[in-house]
């Protein structure tokens, strides 16, 4: 029994840490780019659990009230959301219109990429500390 509990703890702790890792990352980069300490974000349902414990990122139910959209890509967004900046979780979305950044996993490693052109078009600011992730 002890072995089973020990094995489960080694498997579950890294999974729980990943969600906290992502939240900490988002809470650092989004306010820098948007130039706001607290942000309103429209999030696809599958990603809402990432932001549940955030003090600086408020989830909104209507994309029109959001500062930006957090989604897998821009293809499944509701009508009226097309003009908002989008942060995606799939690299394929990097070249889609209005996607200013992407965070995804590749071979078990986190990857962060920003689109310089979209950042400029949307009037966002990429701080010097994140410039090395911009293309």
N, C-alpha and C. Protein backbone atom coordinates (compact mmCIF):
# COMPACT_ATOMS: atom_id res chain seq x y z
N UNK A 1 0.82 -1.20 0.00
CA UNK A 1 0.00 0.00 0.00
C UNK A 1 0.87 1.26 0.00
N UNK A 2 1.93 1.24 0.80
CA UNK A 2 2.83 2.40 0.86
C UNK A 2 3.47 2.66 -0.50
N UNK A 3 3.80 1.57 -1.20
CA UNK A 3 4.42 1.72 -2.51
C UNK A 3 3.45 2.37 -3.50
N UNK A 4 2.18 2.00 -3.42
CA UNK A 4 1.18 2.56 -4.32
C UNK A 4 1.01 4.05 -4.05
N UNK A 5 0.91 4.44 -2.79
CA UNK A 5 0.77 5.85 -2.43
C UNK A 5 1.99 6.64 -2.87
N UNK A 6 3.17 6.08 -2.65
CA UNK A 6 4.41 6.74 -3.05
C UNK A 6 4.47 6.91 -4.57
N UNK A 7 4.11 5.87 -5.29
CA UNK A 7 4.11 5.93 -6.75
C UNK A 7 3.12 6.98 -7.26
N UNK A 8 1.91 6.99 -6.69
CA UNK A 8 0.91 7.98 -7.09
C UNK A 8 1.38 9.40 -6.80
N UNK A 9 2.03 9.60 -5.68
CA UNK A 9 2.50 10.95 -5.36
C UNK A 9 3.58 11.41 -6.33
N UNK A 10 4.44 10.51 -6.76
CA UNK A 10 5.45 10.89 -7.74
C UNK A 10 4.85 11.19 -9.12
N UNK A 11 3.73 10.58 -9.41
CA UNK A 11 3.07 10.84 -10.69
C UNK A 11 2.19 12.09 -10.65
N UNK A 12 1.53 12.35 -9.54
CA UNK A 12 0.59 13.47 -9.46
C UNK A 12 1.24 14.81 -9.16
N UNK A 13 2.29 14.83 -8.38
CA UNK A 13 2.93 16.09 -8.02
C UNK A 13 3.44 16.84 -9.24
N UNK A 14 4.14 16.19 -10.17
CA UNK A 14 4.57 16.94 -11.37
C UNK A 14 3.39 17.47 -12.20
N UNK A 15 2.29 16.72 -12.25
CA UNK A 15 1.14 17.20 -12.99
C UNK A 15 0.54 18.44 -12.36
N UNK A 16 0.46 18.47 -11.04
CA UNK A 16 -0.06 19.65 -10.35
C UNK A 16 0.90 20.82 -10.48
N UNK A 17 2.18 20.56 -10.51
CA UNK A 17 3.17 21.62 -10.63
C UNK A 17 3.09 22.29 -11.99
N UNK A 18 2.76 21.53 -13.03
CA UNK A 18 2.68 22.10 -14.38
C UNK A 18 1.63 23.20 -14.46
N UNK A 19 0.47 23.00 -13.85
CA UNK A 19 -0.58 24.01 -13.88
C UNK A 19 -0.11 25.27 -13.16
N UNK A 20 0.54 25.12 -12.03
CA UNK A 20 1.07 26.28 -11.30
C UNK A 20 2.17 26.97 -12.09
N UNK A 21 2.97 26.19 -12.77
CA UNK A 21 4.05 26.75 -13.60
C UNK A 21 3.45 27.65 -14.67
N UNK A 22 2.44 27.15 -15.34
CA UNK A 22 1.81 27.94 -16.41
C UNK A 22 1.18 29.20 -15.85
N UNK A 23 0.46 29.11 -14.75
CA UNK A 23 -0.17 30.27 -14.16
C UNK A 23 0.87 31.32 -13.77
N UNK A 24 1.95 30.89 -13.16
CA UNK A 24 3.00 31.83 -12.77
C UNK A 24 3.59 32.51 -13.99
N UNK A 25 3.79 31.76 -15.04
CA UNK A 25 4.32 32.32 -16.28
C UNK A 25 3.36 33.37 -16.85
N UNK A 26 2.08 33.01 -16.94
CA UNK A 26 1.09 33.93 -17.49
C UNK A 26 0.93 35.18 -16.64
N UNK A 27 0.98 35.02 -15.32
CA UNK A 27 0.83 36.18 -14.44
C UNK A 27 2.02 37.13 -14.54
N UNK A 28 3.15 36.64 -15.03
CA UNK A 28 4.31 37.51 -15.22
C UNK A 28 4.30 38.18 -16.58
N UNK A 29 3.99 37.43 -17.63
CA UNK A 29 4.13 38.00 -18.97
C UNK A 29 2.93 38.82 -19.44
N UNK A 30 1.71 38.40 -19.12
CA UNK A 30 0.55 39.12 -19.64
C UNK A 30 0.47 40.56 -19.16
N UNK A 31 0.65 40.85 -17.85
CA UNK A 31 0.61 42.26 -17.43
C UNK A 31 1.71 43.11 -18.06
N UNK A 32 2.87 42.52 -18.33
CA UNK A 32 3.95 43.26 -18.98
C UNK A 32 3.58 43.64 -20.41
N UNK A 33 2.99 42.73 -21.13
CA UNK A 33 2.65 42.96 -22.53
C UNK A 33 1.45 43.90 -22.65
N UNK A 34 0.46 43.72 -21.79
CA UNK A 34 -0.76 44.51 -21.86
C UNK A 34 -0.65 45.84 -21.11
N UNK A 35 0.40 46.00 -20.32
CA UNK A 35 0.61 47.23 -19.54
C UNK A 35 -0.53 47.49 -18.55
N UNK A 36 -1.04 46.42 -17.93
CA UNK A 36 -2.09 46.51 -16.93
C UNK A 36 -1.78 45.51 -15.81
N UNK A 37 -1.99 45.90 -14.55
CA UNK A 37 -1.73 44.95 -13.46
C UNK A 37 -2.79 43.85 -13.35
N UNK A 38 -4.03 44.17 -13.71
CA UNK A 38 -5.12 43.19 -13.68
C UNK A 38 -5.75 43.12 -15.06
N UNK A 39 -5.95 41.90 -15.53
CA UNK A 39 -6.44 41.71 -16.89
C UNK A 39 -7.75 40.94 -16.92
N UNK A 40 -8.58 41.28 -17.88
CA UNK A 40 -9.81 40.54 -18.14
C UNK A 40 -9.54 39.66 -19.35
N UNK A 41 -9.73 38.35 -19.17
CA UNK A 41 -9.39 37.40 -20.22
C UNK A 41 -10.56 36.48 -20.51
N UNK A 42 -10.85 36.33 -21.79
CA UNK A 42 -11.83 35.33 -22.24
C UNK A 42 -11.05 34.05 -22.51
N UNK A 43 -11.45 32.97 -21.85
CA UNK A 43 -10.70 31.71 -21.93
C UNK A 43 -11.62 30.59 -22.40
N UNK A 44 -11.10 29.75 -23.29
CA UNK A 44 -11.84 28.55 -23.68
C UNK A 44 -12.05 27.70 -22.44
N UNK A 45 -13.17 27.01 -22.38
CA UNK A 45 -13.53 26.22 -21.20
C UNK A 45 -12.43 25.26 -20.75
N UNK A 46 -11.73 24.65 -21.68
CA UNK A 46 -10.73 23.65 -21.32
C UNK A 46 -9.54 24.24 -20.56
N UNK A 47 -9.37 25.57 -20.58
CA UNK A 47 -8.23 26.20 -19.92
C UNK A 47 -8.61 27.00 -18.66
N UNK A 48 -9.87 27.01 -18.32
CA UNK A 48 -10.32 27.82 -17.18
C UNK A 48 -9.66 27.39 -15.86
N UNK A 49 -9.40 26.11 -15.70
CA UNK A 49 -8.80 25.64 -14.44
C UNK A 49 -7.40 26.19 -14.21
N UNK A 50 -6.70 26.56 -15.26
CA UNK A 50 -5.36 27.14 -15.10
C UNK A 50 -5.44 28.46 -14.35
N UNK A 51 -6.47 29.25 -14.62
CA UNK A 51 -6.57 30.60 -14.08
C UNK A 51 -7.45 30.73 -12.83
N UNK A 52 -7.96 29.63 -12.32
CA UNK A 52 -8.85 29.66 -11.16
C UNK A 52 -8.25 30.38 -9.96
N UNK A 53 -6.99 30.15 -9.70
CA UNK A 53 -6.34 30.70 -8.50
C UNK A 53 -5.63 32.03 -8.74
N UNK A 54 -5.79 32.60 -9.90
CA UNK A 54 -5.09 33.84 -10.22
C UNK A 54 -5.73 35.05 -9.54
N UNK A 55 -4.88 35.91 -9.04
CA UNK A 55 -5.34 37.16 -8.43
C UNK A 55 -5.28 38.32 -9.42
N UNK A 56 -4.56 38.14 -10.53
CA UNK A 56 -4.35 39.23 -11.48
C UNK A 56 -5.04 39.02 -12.83
N UNK A 57 -5.53 37.82 -13.05
CA UNK A 57 -6.19 37.51 -14.31
C UNK A 57 -7.64 37.14 -14.00
N UNK A 58 -8.55 37.98 -14.43
CA UNK A 58 -9.98 37.77 -14.19
C UNK A 58 -10.61 37.17 -15.44
N UNK A 59 -11.35 36.10 -15.27
CA UNK A 59 -12.02 35.46 -16.39
C UNK A 59 -13.35 36.15 -16.66
N UNK A 60 -13.61 36.44 -17.93
CA UNK A 60 -14.87 37.04 -18.33
C UNK A 60 -15.62 36.08 -19.24
N UNK A 61 -16.94 36.16 -19.24
CA UNK A 61 -17.75 35.23 -20.02
C UNK A 61 -18.03 35.71 -21.44
N UNK A 62 -17.70 36.98 -21.71
CA UNK A 62 -17.95 37.55 -23.03
C UNK A 62 -16.64 38.11 -23.57
N UNK A 63 -16.26 37.70 -24.75
CA UNK A 63 -14.97 38.13 -25.31
C UNK A 63 -14.93 39.64 -25.59
N UNK A 64 -16.07 40.26 -25.74
CA UNK A 64 -16.10 41.70 -25.99
C UNK A 64 -15.59 42.50 -24.79
N UNK A 65 -15.73 41.93 -23.59
CA UNK A 65 -15.28 42.60 -22.36
C UNK A 65 -13.83 42.26 -22.01
N UNK A 66 -13.18 41.43 -22.79
CA UNK A 66 -11.84 40.93 -22.48
C UNK A 66 -10.75 41.83 -23.05
N UNK A 67 -9.61 41.85 -22.37
CA UNK A 67 -8.43 42.52 -22.89
C UNK A 67 -7.79 41.69 -24.00
N UNK A 68 -7.87 40.37 -23.84
CA UNK A 68 -7.39 39.45 -24.87
C UNK A 68 -8.05 38.09 -24.67
N UNK A 69 -7.80 37.19 -25.61
CA UNK A 69 -8.40 35.86 -25.60
C UNK A 69 -7.30 34.81 -25.43
N UNK A 70 -7.58 33.82 -24.61
CA UNK A 70 -6.67 32.70 -24.39
C UNK A 70 -7.36 31.46 -24.93
N UNK A 71 -6.80 30.88 -26.01
CA UNK A 71 -7.46 29.75 -26.67
C UNK A 71 -6.43 28.86 -27.35
N UNK A 72 -6.88 27.70 -27.77
CA UNK A 72 -6.02 26.77 -28.49
C UNK A 72 -5.58 27.39 -29.82
N UNK A 73 -6.53 28.00 -30.52
CA UNK A 73 -6.25 28.72 -31.77
C UNK A 73 -7.43 29.65 -32.03
N UNK A 74 -7.41 30.35 -33.12
CA UNK A 74 -8.45 31.34 -33.38
C UNK A 74 -9.63 30.80 -34.19
N UNK A 75 -9.59 29.55 -34.57
CA UNK A 75 -10.62 29.03 -35.47
C UNK A 75 -11.97 28.75 -34.80
N UNK A 76 -12.01 28.51 -33.50
CA UNK A 76 -13.25 28.13 -32.83
C UNK A 76 -13.82 29.24 -31.94
N UNK A 77 -13.44 30.46 -32.16
CA UNK A 77 -13.90 31.55 -31.30
C UNK A 77 -15.30 32.01 -31.68
N UNK A 78 -16.05 32.51 -30.69
CA UNK A 78 -17.40 33.03 -30.98
C UNK A 78 -17.35 34.26 -31.89
N UNK A 79 -18.47 34.56 -32.51
CA UNK A 79 -18.56 35.75 -33.36
C UNK A 79 -18.30 37.00 -32.53
N UNK A 80 -17.67 37.98 -33.11
CA UNK A 80 -17.37 39.22 -32.41
C UNK A 80 -16.04 39.20 -31.69
N UNK A 81 -15.34 38.09 -31.73
CA UNK A 81 -14.05 37.98 -31.03
C UNK A 81 -12.86 38.12 -31.97
N UNK A 82 -13.10 38.21 -33.23
CA UNK A 82 -12.04 38.17 -34.24
C UNK A 82 -11.04 39.30 -34.11
N UNK A 83 -11.43 40.43 -33.59
CA UNK A 83 -10.52 41.58 -33.55
C UNK A 83 -9.66 41.63 -32.28
N UNK A 84 -9.95 40.80 -31.30
CA UNK A 84 -9.20 40.81 -30.03
C UNK A 84 -7.85 40.11 -30.20
N UNK A 85 -6.84 40.56 -29.45
CA UNK A 85 -5.57 39.84 -29.45
C UNK A 85 -5.77 38.44 -28.86
N UNK A 86 -5.06 37.48 -29.41
CA UNK A 86 -5.22 36.08 -28.99
C UNK A 86 -3.87 35.52 -28.55
N UNK A 87 -3.87 34.83 -27.41
CA UNK A 87 -2.72 34.07 -26.97
C UNK A 87 -3.11 32.61 -27.10
N UNK A 88 -2.35 31.84 -27.88
CA UNK A 88 -2.73 30.47 -28.21
C UNK A 88 -1.88 29.44 -27.49
N UNK A 89 -2.36 28.20 -27.52
CA UNK A 89 -1.66 27.09 -26.87
C UNK A 89 -1.24 26.03 -27.88
N UNK A 90 -1.26 26.38 -29.14
CA UNK A 90 -0.91 25.44 -30.19
C UNK A 90 -0.02 26.16 -31.21
N UNK A 91 1.14 25.60 -31.51
CA UNK A 91 2.09 26.28 -32.40
C UNK A 91 1.50 26.56 -33.78
N UNK A 92 0.62 25.69 -34.24
CA UNK A 92 0.00 25.90 -35.55
C UNK A 92 -0.72 27.24 -35.63
N UNK A 93 -1.16 27.75 -34.49
CA UNK A 93 -1.90 29.01 -34.45
C UNK A 93 -1.00 30.23 -34.56
N UNK A 94 0.30 30.07 -34.48
CA UNK A 94 1.23 31.19 -34.47
C UNK A 94 1.06 32.12 -35.67
N UNK A 95 0.76 31.56 -36.81
CA UNK A 95 0.63 32.38 -38.03
C UNK A 95 -0.79 32.89 -38.26
N UNK A 96 -1.74 32.51 -37.40
CA UNK A 96 -3.12 32.97 -37.57
C UNK A 96 -3.25 34.44 -37.20
N UNK A 97 -4.24 35.08 -37.80
CA UNK A 97 -4.48 36.49 -37.57
C UNK A 97 -4.80 36.76 -36.10
N UNK A 98 -4.25 37.82 -35.55
CA UNK A 98 -4.46 38.31 -34.19
C UNK A 98 -3.79 37.48 -33.09
N UNK A 99 -3.06 36.43 -33.44
CA UNK A 99 -2.35 35.64 -32.42
C UNK A 99 -1.03 36.35 -32.14
N UNK A 100 -0.91 36.89 -30.92
CA UNK A 100 0.31 37.63 -30.56
C UNK A 100 1.34 36.77 -29.85
N UNK A 101 0.92 35.61 -29.37
CA UNK A 101 1.86 34.73 -28.68
C UNK A 101 1.33 33.33 -28.56
N UNK A 102 2.28 32.40 -28.33
CA UNK A 102 1.93 30.99 -28.21
C UNK A 102 2.78 30.38 -27.11
N UNK A 103 2.14 29.57 -26.26
CA UNK A 103 2.85 28.76 -25.29
C UNK A 103 2.42 27.32 -25.52
N UNK A 104 3.38 26.46 -25.78
CA UNK A 104 3.07 25.06 -26.07
C UNK A 104 4.21 24.18 -25.56
N UNK A 105 3.97 22.88 -25.56
CA UNK A 105 4.98 21.93 -25.11
C UNK A 105 5.50 21.16 -26.32
N UNK A 106 6.81 21.03 -26.39
CA UNK A 106 7.46 20.28 -27.48
C UNK A 106 8.48 19.35 -26.86
N UNK A 107 8.27 18.06 -27.06
CA UNK A 107 9.16 17.04 -26.49
C UNK A 107 9.33 17.22 -24.99
N UNK A 108 8.23 17.54 -24.32
CA UNK A 108 8.25 17.68 -22.87
C UNK A 108 8.85 18.97 -22.35
N UNK A 109 9.14 19.89 -23.26
CA UNK A 109 9.74 21.17 -22.85
C UNK A 109 8.81 22.32 -23.22
N UNK A 110 8.69 23.29 -22.33
CA UNK A 110 7.83 24.44 -22.64
C UNK A 110 8.46 25.35 -23.68
N UNK A 111 7.63 25.84 -24.59
CA UNK A 111 8.07 26.74 -25.65
C UNK A 111 7.20 28.00 -25.61
N UNK A 112 7.83 29.15 -25.68
CA UNK A 112 7.14 30.44 -25.67
C UNK A 112 7.60 31.24 -26.88
N UNK A 113 6.63 31.69 -27.69
CA UNK A 113 6.95 32.42 -28.91
C UNK A 113 5.98 33.60 -29.05
N UNK A 114 6.50 34.75 -29.48
CA UNK A 114 5.67 35.93 -29.71
C UNK A 114 5.78 36.36 -31.16
N UNK A 115 4.71 36.93 -31.69
CA UNK A 115 4.66 37.42 -33.06
C UNK A 115 4.86 38.94 -33.04
N UNK A 116 6.02 39.39 -33.46
CA UNK A 116 6.35 40.82 -33.44
C UNK A 116 5.34 41.67 -34.20
N UNK A 117 4.97 41.20 -35.37
CA UNK A 117 4.07 41.97 -36.23
C UNK A 117 2.70 42.16 -35.55
N UNK A 118 2.14 41.10 -35.02
CA UNK A 118 0.83 41.20 -34.36
C UNK A 118 0.91 42.06 -33.11
N UNK A 119 1.98 41.96 -32.36
CA UNK A 119 2.16 42.78 -31.17
C UNK A 119 2.14 44.27 -31.54
N UNK A 120 2.82 44.62 -32.61
CA UNK A 120 2.83 46.01 -33.05
C UNK A 120 1.46 46.44 -33.56
N UNK A 121 0.80 45.59 -34.35
CA UNK A 121 -0.51 45.92 -34.90
C UNK A 121 -1.55 46.14 -33.81
N UNK A 122 -1.47 45.39 -32.73
CA UNK A 122 -2.44 45.48 -31.64
C UNK A 122 -2.08 46.53 -30.59
N UNK A 123 -0.96 47.21 -30.79
CA UNK A 123 -0.55 48.25 -29.86
C UNK A 123 -0.05 47.70 -28.53
N UNK A 124 0.41 46.48 -28.53
CA UNK A 124 0.96 45.86 -27.32
C UNK A 124 2.44 46.16 -27.24
N UNK A 125 3.02 45.94 -26.07
CA UNK A 125 4.43 46.22 -25.87
C UNK A 125 5.12 44.96 -25.38
N UNK A 126 6.14 44.54 -26.10
CA UNK A 126 6.93 43.39 -25.69
C UNK A 126 8.16 43.90 -24.95
N UNK A 127 8.25 43.65 -23.65
CA UNK A 127 9.41 44.13 -22.90
C UNK A 127 10.71 43.50 -23.38
N UNK A 128 11.79 44.17 -23.13
CA UNK A 128 13.11 43.70 -23.56
C UNK A 128 13.40 42.30 -23.02
N UNK A 129 12.92 42.00 -21.83
CA UNK A 129 13.18 40.69 -21.23
C UNK A 129 12.53 39.55 -22.01
N UNK A 130 11.53 39.84 -22.82
CA UNK A 130 10.85 38.82 -23.62
C UNK A 130 11.19 38.91 -25.11
N UNK A 131 12.01 39.86 -25.49
CA UNK A 131 12.34 40.08 -26.90
C UNK A 131 12.99 38.86 -27.55
N UNK A 132 13.72 38.07 -26.78
CA UNK A 132 14.39 36.91 -27.38
C UNK A 132 13.40 35.81 -27.82
N UNK A 133 12.15 35.91 -27.40
CA UNK A 133 11.12 34.96 -27.78
C UNK A 133 10.27 35.43 -28.96
N UNK A 134 10.59 36.59 -29.50
CA UNK A 134 9.79 37.18 -30.57
C UNK A 134 10.36 36.89 -31.95
N UNK A 135 9.45 36.61 -32.89
CA UNK A 135 9.82 36.34 -34.29
C UNK A 135 8.91 37.09 -35.21
